[in-house]
Every structure is written in C-alpha cells, then in structure tokens.
Amino acid sequence: MPAKQHPGARAALEMRTIADAAMREIRHQRIQLGLSLHDAARRAGMSSSQLSRLELGMTRSPTLEQLGRAARAVGMRPWLKLYPTDEGVRDAPQLGILARFERILGAPLRLIREVGLALAGDRRAWDGRIDDGERRASIEAVARLDDVQELTRKLALKLRDDPDAGVVILVLARTAHNRRVLAAHREALRPLLPLDGAAIVRDLRRGRVPPAGGIVLC
C-alpha cells in the first residue's frame, strides 16, 4: 500500500496543476485576441521571456502576482477559492466541543461526525448529525464566534442545499468571548436558531431532537 502523501507535498502538486491550467487558459486567450507576446508582456509589466516561460510552464514556482498580472494582461480576472478537504482535519478546541456535546446526548441519540451534504459534488460537511427516529439535527461546532453575519450566511446556505439537514444546532465553546458576542448578537441569530441552550439540552438529555434549531454552549 503506498504511503500517504504529506499535505504539504500534496498542496505543492495541486498548486502546480492549478498554475499550469491557468497559464494554458491565459495563453489560449492571448492567441484568441491576436495579442503578441511582446504586447501582453508589456501590459503585464514583465519581460517577454518571463511571460513566455510562464505560458510554457517553465517557471518552477509562479507566484499569484505573476499569474494575476498575466491574466489581467489578456482581459481575464483571476480568482482563487478554497474548499474544505475530506481529510477530517479538526483542531483540538473543536474536537473538545464535540466531545462535550456528545456527553449531553441521552439514548438513543448518537453523534455521527463529519456528515457531507446530500448534494452531488458538494464537499461541504456538517460537523455532526443526530437522529431520534422522528427528527434529525445537523451540528455545527464553533470554537470562537466572531463574524455573526458570515456564520448566518454559511448555515443558511448549507440548510438550503441539504434536504437531509433537519434542524441546526450551533454548538459554541463556553468561553467569555463567545458569551459576550452572543449577548450582543443573539437576536441576529434568532430567526435561524430560535431555541436557547436550556430547552435544547433538556430534549437532548431525554434522547430527543429538539423541534427547532438553536444554540448550545459547551
């Protein structure tokens, strides 16, 4: 069985593949526009030899700036988006949150971790899911609550795209910072997560999924 590739080595290979594909696209666009290498290089603020090496994949480690300059020179807008992998990497605080949440659950509830969205090709996942046979809840664990609006958008999109999500339980680390943020912004989260911790915990200890989503501090 081959050894598992180190994440850093895998990342280097992925970035090389991305860069090669981007430069092929840039070269194709330049040729389609009838733009000479000299003119494209001038627009990009680099020498013709630099751009030629980029286009031919001869630059060993092209920078994002170089790729961006080359793309803009031929009328293309560069964009980089990052996605979670399926490797299940989680930091210690988040694992601790899930472990503490799991101790709240009464039978027959059982926490299933890392549940992908029921949408073909979508790499997003819930941190966990519970099901009592009648209702299910998807679990999102957060160690530090900062951008409430971004979190709300993220949860709303996952709910929209996952017909199997059920209700959502946001599990926050029980920290002074999270308490302060929650005290200031609880009502902004209320439409999506209406229930507070005591009502949720009461149902969970009885082995029942609550009837609506909410927030629990663990």
C-alpha atoms as a PDB file:
ATOM      1  CA  MET A   1       0.000   0.000   0.000  1.00  0.00           C
ATOM      2  CA  PRO A   2       1.532   3.374  -0.977  1.00  0.00           C
ATOM      3  CA  ALA A   3       2.453   5.784   1.806  1.00  0.00           C
ATOM      4  CA  LYS A   4       0.015   8.625   2.400  1.00  0.00           C
ATOM      5  CA  GLN A   5       1.271  11.814   0.768  1.00  0.00           C
ATOM      6  CA  HIS A   6       2.240  14.619   3.131  1.00  0.00           C
ATOM      7  CA  PRO A   7      -0.290  17.511   2.995  1.00  0.00           C
ATOM      8  CA  GLY A   8       2.460  19.973   2.077  1.00  0.00           C
ATOM      9  CA  ALA A   9       3.647  17.856  -0.847  1.00  0.00           C
ATOM     10  CA  ARG A  10       0.067  17.361  -1.995  1.00  0.00           C
ATOM     11  CA  ALA A  11      -0.535  21.112  -1.821  1.00  0.00           C
ATOM     12  CA  ALA A  12       2.569  21.813  -3.918  1.00  0.00           C
ATOM     13  CA  LEU A  13       1.357  19.397  -6.596  1.00  0.00           C
ATOM     14  CA  GLU A  14      -2.153  20.861  -6.545  1.00  0.00           C
ATOM     15  CA  MET A  15      -0.866  24.421  -6.898  1.00  0.00           C
ATOM     16  CA  ARG A  16       1.403  23.385  -9.743  1.00  0.00           C
ATOM     17  CA  THR A  17      -1.581  21.822 -11.522  1.00  0.00           C
ATOM     18  CA  ILE A  18      -3.699  24.933 -10.932  1.00  0.00           C
ATOM     19  CA  ALA A  19      -0.924  27.213 -12.210  1.00  0.00           C
ATOM     20  CA  ASP A  20      -0.370  25.115 -15.337  1.00  0.00           C
ATOM     21  CA  ALA A  21      -4.080  25.102 -16.140  1.00  0.00           C
ATOM     22  CA  ALA A  22      -4.314  28.865 -15.577  1.00  0.00           C
ATOM     23  CA  MET A  23      -1.389  29.594 -17.867  1.00  0.00           C
ATOM     24  CA  ARG A  24      -2.776  27.374 -20.615  1.00  0.00           C
ATOM     25  CA  GLU A  25      -6.007  29.329 -20.401  1.00  0.00           C
ATOM     26  CA  ILE A  26      -4.159  32.661 -20.435  1.00  0.00           C
ATOM     27  CA  ARG A  27      -2.086  31.645 -23.463  1.00  0.00           C
ATOM     28  CA  HIS A  28      -5.197  30.473 -25.302  1.00  0.00           C
ATOM     29  CA  GLN A  29      -6.923  33.786 -24.537  1.00  0.00           C
ATOM     30  CA  ARG A  30      -3.912  35.800 -25.730  1.00  0.00           C
ATOM     31  CA  ILE A  31      -3.810  33.913 -29.031  1.00  0.00           C
ATOM     32  CA  GLN A  32      -7.577  34.243 -29.489  1.00  0.00           C
ATOM     33  CA  LEU A  33      -7.253  38.004 -29.035  1.00  0.00           C
ATOM     34  CA  GLY A  34      -4.402  38.186 -31.546  1.00  0.00           C
ATOM     35  CA  LEU A  35      -2.225  39.789 -28.877  1.00  0.00           C
ATOM     36  CA  SER A  36       1.503  39.356 -29.360  1.00  0.00           C
ATOM     37  CA  LEU A  37       3.687  38.003 -26.583  1.00  0.00           C
ATOM     38  CA  HIS A  38       5.534  41.331 -26.504  1.00  0.00           C
ATOM     39  CA  ASP A  39       2.344  43.386 -26.100  1.00  0.00           C
ATOM     40  CA  ALA A  40       0.873  41.044 -23.479  1.00  0.00           C
ATOM     41  CA  ALA A  41       4.130  41.125 -21.513  1.00  0.00           C
ATOM     42  CA  ARG A  42       4.191  44.923 -21.627  1.00  0.00           C
ATOM     43  CA  ARG A  43       0.610  45.047 -20.334  1.00  0.00           C
ATOM     44  CA  ALA A  44       1.529  42.595 -17.578  1.00  0.00           C
ATOM     45  CA  GLY A  45       4.588  44.597 -16.535  1.00  0.00           C
ATOM     46  CA  MET A  46       7.060  41.794 -17.220  1.00  0.00           C
ATOM     47  CA  SER A  47       9.530  40.826 -19.918  1.00  0.00           C
ATOM     48  CA  SER A  48       8.562  38.776 -22.960  1.00  0.00           C
ATOM     49  CA  SER A  49      10.851  35.970 -21.789  1.00  0.00           C
ATOM     50  CA  GLN A  50       9.186  35.918 -18.357  1.00  0.00           C
ATOM     51  CA  LEU A  51       5.726  35.662 -19.871  1.00  0.00           C
ATOM     52  CA  SER A  52       6.858  33.039 -22.364  1.00  0.00           C
ATOM     53  CA  ARG A  53       8.285  30.878 -19.576  1.00  0.00           C
ATOM     54  CA  LEU A  54       5.026  31.243 -17.640  1.00  0.00           C
ATOM     55  CA  GLU A  55       2.902  30.269 -20.621  1.00  0.00           C
ATOM     56  CA  LEU A  56       5.040  27.229 -21.346  1.00  0.00           C
ATOM     57  CA  GLY A  57       5.014  26.067 -17.725  1.00  0.00           C
ATOM     58  CA  MET A  58       8.764  26.585 -17.401  1.00  0.00           C
ATOM     59  CA  THR A  59       8.567  28.773 -14.276  1.00  0.00           C
ATOM     60  CA  ARG A  60       9.078  26.371 -11.393  1.00  0.00           C
ATOM     61  CA  SER A  61       7.076  28.263  -8.783  1.00  0.00           C
ATOM     62  CA  PRO A  62       4.962  31.009 -10.362  1.00  0.00           C
ATOM     63  CA  THR A  63       3.620  33.482  -7.838  1.00  0.00           C
ATOM     64  CA  LEU A  64      -0.008  34.511  -7.545  1.00  0.00           C
ATOM     65  CA  GLU A  65       1.037  38.016  -8.539  1.00  0.00           C
ATOM     66  CA  GLN A  66       2.658  36.747 -11.752  1.00  0.00           C
ATOM     67  CA  LEU A  67      -0.438  34.730 -12.634  1.00  0.00           C
ATOM     68  CA  GLY A  68      -2.656  37.708 -11.853  1.00  0.00           C
ATOM     69  CA  ARG A  69      -0.599  40.074 -13.987  1.00  0.00           C
ATOM     70  CA  ALA A  70      -0.607  37.644 -16.923  1.00  0.00           C
ATOM     71  CA  ALA A  71      -4.360  37.111 -16.620  1.00  0.00           C
ATOM     72  CA  ARG A  72      -5.208  40.817 -16.440  1.00  0.00           C
ATOM     73  CA  ALA A  73      -2.983  41.478 -19.438  1.00  0.00           C
ATOM     74  CA  VAL A  74      -5.335  39.399 -21.613  1.00  0.00           C
ATOM     75  CA  GLY A  75      -8.543  40.694 -20.067  1.00  0.00           C
ATOM     76  CA  MET A  76      -9.142  37.907 -17.563  1.00  0.00           C
ATOM     77  CA  ARG A  77      -9.882  38.280 -13.855  1.00  0.00           C
ATOM     78  CA  PRO A  78      -8.042  35.855 -11.558  1.00  0.00           C
ATOM     79  CA  TRP A  79      -9.915  34.238  -8.661  1.00  0.00           C
ATOM     80  CA  LEU A  80      -8.863  31.744  -6.004  1.00  0.00           C
ATOM     81  CA  LYS A  81     -11.361  29.883  -3.833  1.00  0.00           C
ATOM     82  CA  LEU A  82     -10.512  27.408  -1.101  1.00  0.00           C
ATOM     83  CA  TYR A  83     -12.636  24.377  -0.172  1.00  0.00           C
ATOM     84  CA  PRO A  84     -12.562  22.064   2.829  1.00  0.00           C
ATOM     85  CA  THR A  85     -10.922  18.735   2.120  1.00  0.00           C
ATOM     86  CA  ASP A  86     -12.379  15.365   3.040  1.00  0.00           C
ATOM     87  CA  GLU A  87      -9.456  14.609   5.367  1.00  0.00           C
ATOM     88  CA  GLY A  88     -11.396  15.395   8.536  1.00  0.00           C
ATOM     89  CA  VAL A  89      -8.805  17.817   9.927  1.00  0.00           C
ATOM     90  CA  ARG A  90     -10.106  19.442  13.075  1.00  0.00           C
ATOM     91  CA  ASP A  91      -8.338  21.472  15.717  1.00  0.00           C
ATOM     92  CA  ALA A  92      -8.293  20.390  19.340  1.00  0.00           C
ATOM     93  CA  PRO A  93     -10.816  23.016  20.570  1.00  0.00           C
ATOM     94  CA  GLN A  94     -13.433  21.884  18.052  1.00  0.00           C
ATOM     95  CA  LEU A  95     -12.906  18.239  18.902  1.00  0.00           C
ATOM     96  CA  GLY A  96     -13.338  19.163  22.547  1.00  0.00           C
ATOM     97  CA  ILE A  97     -16.616  20.946  21.808  1.00  0.00           C
ATOM     98  CA  LEU A  98     -17.999  17.906  20.009  1.00  0.00           C
ATOM     99  CA  ALA A  99     -16.886  15.591  22.812  1.00  0.00           C
ATOM    100  CA  ARG A 100     -18.630  17.737  25.423  1.00  0.00           C
ATOM    101  CA  PHE A 101     -21.765  17.944  23.280  1.00  0.00           C
ATOM    102  CA  GLU A 102     -21.757  14.186  22.872  1.00  0.00           C
ATOM    103  CA  ARG A 103     -21.874  13.731  26.649  1.00  0.00           C
ATOM    104  CA  ILE A 104     -25.184  15.604  26.748  1.00  0.00           C
ATOM    105  CA  LEU A 105     -26.935  13.117  24.482  1.00  0.00           C
ATOM    106  CA  GLY A 106     -29.318  10.648  26.018  1.00  0.00           C
ATOM    107  CA  ALA A 107     -30.204   7.296  24.436  1.00  0.00           C
ATOM    108  CA  PRO A 108     -30.978   6.591  21.669  1.00  0.00           C
ATOM    109  CA  LEU A 109     -29.216   9.696  20.330  1.00  0.00           C
ATOM    110  CA  ARG A 110     -25.759   9.116  18.887  1.00  0.00           C
ATOM    111  CA  LEU A 111     -23.488  11.692  17.293  1.00  0.00           C
ATOM    112  CA  ILE A 112     -22.331  10.827  13.778  1.00  0.00           C
ATOM    113  CA  ARG A 113     -19.399  13.060  12.872  1.00  0.00           C
ATOM    114  CA  GLU A 114     -18.484  14.656   9.550  1.00  0.00           C
ATOM    115  CA  VAL A 115     -21.701  14.283   7.556  1.00  0.00           C
ATOM    116  CA  GLY A 116     -21.439  15.533   3.981  1.00  0.00           C
ATOM    117  CA  LEU A 117     -24.229  17.474   2.328  1.00  0.00           C
ATOM    118  CA  ALA A 118     -26.669  15.381   0.321  1.00  0.00           C
ATOM    119  CA  LEU A 119     -25.742  17.164  -2.895  1.00  0.00           C
ATOM    120  CA  ALA A 120     -23.627  15.537  -5.607  1.00  0.00           C
ATOM    121  CA  GLY A 121     -20.171  17.081  -5.870  1.00  0.00           C
ATOM    122  CA  ASP A 122     -20.589  19.323  -2.808  1.00  0.00           C
ATOM    123  CA  ARG A 123     -17.608  18.980  -0.455  1.00  0.00           C
ATOM    124  CA  ARG A 124     -19.141  20.839   2.467  1.00  0.00           C
ATOM    125  CA  ALA A 125     -19.997  18.885   5.601  1.00  0.00           C
ATOM    126  CA  TRP A 126     -21.735  19.290   8.912  1.00  0.00           C
ATOM    127  CA  ASP A 127     -19.575  18.636  11.959  1.00  0.00           C
ATOM    128  CA  GLY A 128     -22.111  16.086  13.101  1.00  0.00           C
ATOM    129  CA  ARG A 129     -25.664  14.795  12.973  1.00  0.00           C
ATOM    130  CA  ILE A 130     -28.106  13.228  15.425  1.00  0.00           C
ATOM    131  CA  ASP A 131     -31.392  11.421  14.741  1.00  0.00           C
ATOM    132  CA  ASP A 132     -34.062  10.171  17.152  1.00  0.00           C
ATOM    133  CA  GLY A 133     -36.056   8.262  14.542  1.00  0.00           C
ATOM    134  CA  GLU A 134     -38.541  11.077  14.020  1.00  0.00           C
ATOM    135  CA  ARG A 135     -36.405  14.189  13.691  1.00  0.00           C
ATOM    136  CA  ARG A 136     -32.768  14.894  12.877  1.00  0.00           C
ATOM    137  CA  ALA A 137     -30.419  17.746  13.645  1.00  0.00           C
ATOM    138  CA  SER A 138     -27.208  18.821  11.957  1.00  0.00           C
ATOM    139  CA  ILE A 139     -24.469  20.030  14.281  1.00  0.00           C
ATOM    140  CA  GLU A 140     -22.076  22.918  13.659  1.00  0.00           C
ATOM    141  CA  ALA A 141     -19.294  23.337  16.234  1.00  0.00           C
ATOM    142  CA  VAL A 142     -17.550  26.714  16.576  1.00  0.00           C
ATOM    143  CA  ALA A 143     -14.646  27.392  18.900  1.00  0.00           C
ATOM    144  CA  ARG A 144     -14.668  31.185  18.519  1.00  0.00           C
ATOM    145  CA  LEU A 145     -17.650  33.228  17.371  1.00  0.00           C
ATOM    146  CA  ASP A 146     -16.609  36.397  15.546  1.00  0.00           C
ATOM    147  CA  ASP A 147     -18.417  37.196  12.287  1.00  0.00           C
ATOM    148  CA  VAL A 148     -22.081  36.549  13.084  1.00  0.00           C
ATOM    149  CA  GLN A 149     -23.295  37.593   9.632  1.00  0.00           C
ATOM    150  CA  GLU A 150     -20.858  35.267   7.868  1.00  0.00           C
ATOM    151  CA  LEU A 151     -21.816  32.373  10.129  1.00  0.00           C
ATOM    152  CA  THR A 152     -25.516  33.011   9.480  1.00  0.00           C
ATOM    153  CA  ARG A 153     -24.955  33.019   5.716  1.00  0.00           C
ATOM    154  CA  LYS A 154     -22.897  29.832   5.899  1.00  0.00           C
ATOM    155  CA  LEU A 155     -25.535  27.967   7.911  1.00  0.00           C
ATOM    156  CA  ALA A 156     -28.407  29.266   5.778  1.00  0.00           C
ATOM    157  CA  LEU A 157     -26.705  28.106   2.569  1.00  0.00           C
ATOM    158  CA  LYS A 158     -25.979  24.664   3.981  1.00  0.00           C
ATOM    159  CA  LEU A 159     -29.585  24.355   5.126  1.00  0.00           C
ATOM    160  CA  ARG A 160     -30.804  25.428   1.707  1.00  0.00           C
ATOM    161  CA  ASP A 161     -28.594  22.932  -0.109  1.00  0.00           C
ATOM    162  CA  ASP A 162     -29.058  19.927   2.175  1.00  0.00           C
ATOM    163  CA  PRO A 163     -32.568  18.460   2.204  1.00  0.00           C
ATOM    164  CA  ASP A 164     -31.482  15.989   4.899  1.00  0.00           C
ATOM    165  CA  ALA A 165     -30.189  18.624   7.333  1.00  0.00           C
ATOM    166  CA  GLY A 166     -33.179  18.737   9.673  1.00  0.00           C
ATOM    167  CA  VAL A 167     -32.797  21.481  12.282  1.00  0.00           C
ATOM    168  CA  VAL A 168     -29.419  23.045  13.038  1.00  0.00           C
ATOM    169  CA  ILE A 169     -27.789  23.110  16.448  1.00  0.00           C
ATOM    170  CA  LEU A 170     -24.903  25.549  16.772  1.00  0.00           C
ATOM    171  CA  VAL A 171     -22.546  24.335  19.498  1.00  0.00           C
ATOM    172  CA  LEU A 172     -20.267  27.087  20.808  1.00  0.00           C
ATOM    173  CA  ALA A 173     -17.306  26.751  23.131  1.00  0.00           C
ATOM    174  CA  ARG A 174     -18.249  28.038  26.574  1.00  0.00           C
ATOM    175  CA  THR A 175     -15.812  30.973  26.655  1.00  0.00           C
ATOM    176  CA  ALA A 176     -16.078  34.538  27.934  1.00  0.00           C
ATOM    177  CA  HIS A 177     -15.547  35.843  24.405  1.00  0.00           C
ATOM    178  CA  ASN A 178     -18.367  33.756  22.940  1.00  0.00           C
ATOM    179  CA  ARG A 179     -20.689  34.771  25.770  1.00  0.00           C
ATOM    180  CA  ARG A 180     -20.031  38.452  25.069  1.00  0.00           C
ATOM    181  CA  VAL A 181     -20.573  38.093  21.311  1.00  0.00           C
ATOM    182  CA  LEU A 182     -23.713  36.034  21.847  1.00  0.00           C
ATOM    183  CA  ALA A 183     -25.093  38.570  24.322  1.00  0.00           C
ATOM    184  CA  ALA A 184     -24.593  41.332  21.768  1.00  0.00           C
ATOM    185  CA  HIS A 185     -25.826  39.471  18.682  1.00  0.00           C
ATOM    186  CA  ARG A 186     -28.195  36.748  19.871  1.00  0.00           C
ATOM    187  CA  GLU A 187     -31.236  38.288  18.177  1.00  0.00           C
ATOM    188  CA  ALA A 188     -29.477  38.376  14.795  1.00  0.00           C
ATOM    189  CA  LEU A 189     -29.203  34.583  15.016  1.00  0.00           C
ATOM    190  CA  ARG A 190     -32.720  34.072  16.370  1.00  0.00           C
ATOM    191  CA  PRO A 191     -34.569  33.633  13.026  1.00  0.00           C
ATOM    192  CA  LEU A 192     -32.296  30.739  12.031  1.00  0.00           C
ATOM    193  CA  LEU A 193     -31.578  29.375  15.527  1.00  0.00           C
ATOM    194  CA  PRO A 194     -34.595  30.229  17.693  1.00  0.00           C
ATOM    195  CA  LEU A 195     -34.071  27.972  20.724  1.00  0.00           C
ATOM    196  CA  ASP A 196     -31.700  28.704  23.607  1.00  0.00           C
ATOM    197  CA  GLY A 197     -29.481  26.218  25.356  1.00  0.00           C
ATOM    198  CA  ALA A 198     -31.653  25.106  28.274  1.00  0.00           C
ATOM    199  CA  ALA A 199     -34.553  23.999  26.063  1.00  0.00           C
ATOM    200  CA  ILE A 200     -32.221  22.165  23.690  1.00  0.00           C
ATOM    201  CA  VAL A 201     -30.272  20.401  26.426  1.00  0.00           C
ATOM    202  CA  ARG A 202     -33.477  19.260  28.090  1.00  0.00           C
ATOM    203  CA  ASP A 203     -34.590  17.490  24.906  1.00  0.00           C
ATOM    204  CA  LEU A 204     -31.149  16.074  24.168  1.00  0.00           C
ATOM    205  CA  ARG A 205     -30.797  14.537  27.628  1.00  0.00           C
ATOM    206  CA  ARG A 206     -34.156  12.838  27.095  1.00  0.00           C
ATOM    207  CA  GLY A 207     -32.909  11.376  23.814  1.00  0.00           C
ATOM    208  CA  ARG A 208     -34.970  13.681  21.631  1.00  0.00           C
ATOM    209  CA  VAL A 209     -34.023  16.042  18.831  1.00  0.00           C
ATOM    210  CA  PRO A 210     -35.467  19.497  19.615  1.00  0.00           C
ATOM    211  CA  PRO A 211     -38.317  20.712  17.384  1.00  0.00           C
ATOM    212  CA  ALA A 212     -36.314  23.705  16.136  1.00  0.00           C
ATOM    213  CA  GLY A 213     -32.709  24.783  15.789  1.00  0.00           C
ATOM    214  CA  GLY A 214     -30.816  26.720  18.401  1.00  0.00           C
ATOM    215  CA  ILE A 215     -27.569  27.444  20.220  1.00  0.00           C
ATOM    216  CA  VAL A 216     -25.830  25.471  22.952  1.00  0.00           C
ATOM    217  CA  LEU A 217     -22.728  26.468  24.909  1.00  0.00           C
ATOM    218  CA  CYS A 218     -20.454  23.523  25.726  1.00  0.00           C
END
